[in-house]
Structures are given as structure tokens and as C-alpha cells.
Amino acid sequence: MSEQNWLRRLSKSQNDKWIGGVCGGLGVYTPLPSWIWRVMFCVAFLFFGTGLLIYIFLWIFMPKETPKEKS
């Protein structure tokens, strides 16, 4: 999969979310599961709050996941 396609399809998860669905969405479109993304944001939060700032930025600018039609 090319990087351009991955970035265009990146969206917040509607199923795997605790707060905003950012980590769930990252878990779907990257090889890392969502719990690892959550841990990384928490660890980054300990370093001057950068994890929180990045999470809020992604929460605002990542599009919502479009519902998939059932066949």
C-alpha cells in the first residue's frame, strides 16, 4: 500500500474508541494495534504534554470513519 493511499484513508474509528477514536483509527491503518498507540500517547504526555497536544490536533483534523454499507 502506498503512503498516499494510507494517509487519504486514515480516519477516526467509530468502533474502537475511548475518547475520540484517534488511536483506534491509527490502529486500523498501521501495523501497530490501538493499545500501543494509547500507551505511546500517554508516555508522550509525560514529556511536557506533547502527547495531549498531538492527540487533540489529530482529534480535530482526522475525518470521521464513514459507515460501511452491509451487503
C-alpha atoms as a PDB file:
ATOM      1  CA  MET A   1       0.000   0.000   0.000  1.00  0.00           C
ATOM      2  CA  SER A   2       1.395   3.373  -0.918  1.00  0.00           C
ATOM      3  CA  GLU A   3       1.791   6.125   1.668  1.00  0.00           C
ATOM      4  CA  GLN A   4      -0.555   8.443  -0.178  1.00  0.00           C
ATOM      5  CA  ASN A   5      -3.427   5.928  -0.076  1.00  0.00           C
ATOM      6  CA  TRP A   6      -2.809   5.234   3.619  1.00  0.00           C
ATOM      7  CA  LEU A   7      -2.936   8.908   4.536  1.00  0.00           C
ATOM      8  CA  ARG A   8      -6.073   9.537   2.497  1.00  0.00           C
ATOM      9  CA  ARG A   9      -7.946   6.658   4.166  1.00  0.00           C
ATOM     10  CA  LEU A  10      -6.808   7.482   7.718  1.00  0.00           C
ATOM     11  CA  SER A  11      -9.861   8.244   9.841  1.00  0.00           C
ATOM     12  CA  LYS A  12     -11.111   8.069  13.424  1.00  0.00           C
ATOM     13  CA  SER A  13     -12.573   4.726  14.436  1.00  0.00           C
ATOM     14  CA  GLN A  14     -16.235   4.518  15.419  1.00  0.00           C
ATOM     15  CA  ASN A  15     -15.881   1.049  16.997  1.00  0.00           C
ATOM     16  CA  ASP A  16     -12.515   1.079  18.788  1.00  0.00           C
ATOM     17  CA  LYS A  17     -12.553   4.330  20.725  1.00  0.00           C
ATOM     18  CA  TRP A  18     -12.214   5.540  24.291  1.00  0.00           C
ATOM     19  CA  ILE A  19     -12.289   9.307  23.843  1.00  0.00           C
ATOM     20  CA  GLY A  20     -12.166  10.414  20.226  1.00  0.00           C
ATOM     21  CA  GLY A  21     -11.315   7.327  18.176  1.00  0.00           C
ATOM     22  CA  VAL A  22      -7.882   8.601  17.139  1.00  0.00           C
ATOM     23  CA  CYS A  23      -5.897   5.638  18.496  1.00  0.00           C
ATOM     24  CA  GLY A  24      -8.439   3.165  17.140  1.00  0.00           C
ATOM     25  CA  GLY A  25      -8.149   4.733  13.699  1.00  0.00           C
ATOM     26  CA  LEU A  26      -4.364   4.661  13.837  1.00  0.00           C
ATOM     27  CA  GLY A  27      -4.551   1.018  14.916  1.00  0.00           C
ATOM     28  CA  VAL A  28      -6.641   0.114  11.877  1.00  0.00           C
ATOM     29  CA  TYR A  29      -4.362   1.774   9.313  1.00  0.00           C
ATOM     30  CA  THR A  30      -0.942   0.966  10.803  1.00  0.00           C
ATOM     31  CA  PRO A  31       0.703  -2.307  11.815  1.00  0.00           C
ATOM     32  CA  LEU A  32       0.541  -1.257  15.499  1.00  0.00           C
ATOM     33  CA  PRO A  33      -2.578  -2.137  17.500  1.00  0.00           C
ATOM     34  CA  SER A  34      -4.613   0.651  19.086  1.00  0.00           C
ATOM     35  CA  TRP A  35      -3.486  -0.132  22.647  1.00  0.00           C
ATOM     36  CA  ILE A  36       0.130   0.565  21.683  1.00  0.00           C
ATOM     37  CA  TRP A  37      -0.920   3.947  20.246  1.00  0.00           C
ATOM     38  CA  ARG A  38      -2.691   4.717  23.540  1.00  0.00           C
ATOM     39  CA  VAL A  39       0.423   3.849  25.537  1.00  0.00           C
ATOM     40  CA  MET A  40       2.597   5.968  23.239  1.00  0.00           C
ATOM     41  CA  PHE A  41       0.299   8.990  23.639  1.00  0.00           C
ATOM     42  CA  CYS A  42       0.316   8.528  27.432  1.00  0.00           C
ATOM     43  CA  VAL A  43       4.116   8.315  27.539  1.00  0.00           C
ATOM     44  CA  ALA A  44       4.388  11.349  25.250  1.00  0.00           C
ATOM     45  CA  PHE A  45       2.030  13.202  27.602  1.00  0.00           C
ATOM     46  CA  LEU A  46       4.614  12.828  30.364  1.00  0.00           C
ATOM     47  CA  PHE A  47       7.098  14.774  28.213  1.00  0.00           C
ATOM     48  CA  PHE A  48       5.753  18.317  28.510  1.00  0.00           C
ATOM     49  CA  GLY A  49       2.238  17.372  27.381  1.00  0.00           C
ATOM     50  CA  THR A  50       3.180  16.743  23.760  1.00  0.00           C
ATOM     51  CA  GLY A  51       1.056  13.587  23.619  1.00  0.00           C
ATOM     52  CA  LEU A  52      -2.043  15.533  24.595  1.00  0.00           C
ATOM     53  CA  LEU A  53      -1.340  18.264  22.050  1.00  0.00           C
ATOM     54  CA  ILE A  54      -0.788  15.768  19.236  1.00  0.00           C
ATOM     55  CA  TYR A  55      -3.901  13.804  20.234  1.00  0.00           C
ATOM     56  CA  ILE A  56      -6.075  16.941  20.249  1.00  0.00           C
ATOM     57  CA  PHE A  57      -4.631  18.020  16.898  1.00  0.00           C
ATOM     58  CA  LEU A  58      -5.432  14.610  15.365  1.00  0.00           C
ATOM     59  CA  TRP A  59      -8.872  14.568  17.020  1.00  0.00           C
ATOM     60  CA  ILE A  60      -9.735  17.863  15.334  1.00  0.00           C
ATOM     61  CA  PHE A  61      -8.277  17.200  11.885  1.00  0.00           C
ATOM     62  CA  MET A  62      -8.787  13.448  11.320  1.00  0.00           C
ATOM     63  CA  PRO A  63     -12.046  12.794   9.459  1.00  0.00           C
ATOM     64  CA  LYS A  64     -14.685  10.514  10.933  1.00  0.00           C
ATOM     65  CA  GLU A  65     -14.895   6.965   9.645  1.00  0.00           C
ATOM     66  CA  THR A  66     -17.585   6.580   7.035  1.00  0.00           C
ATOM     67  CA  PRO A  67     -20.076   3.818   7.832  1.00  0.00           C
ATOM     68  CA  LYS A  68     -19.696   0.774   5.622  1.00  0.00           C
ATOM     69  CA  GLU A  69     -22.772  -0.495   3.857  1.00  0.00           C
ATOM     70  CA  LYS A  70     -23.815  -4.053   4.632  1.00  0.00           C
ATOM     71  CA  SER A  71     -24.161  -6.351   1.646  1.00  0.00           C
END
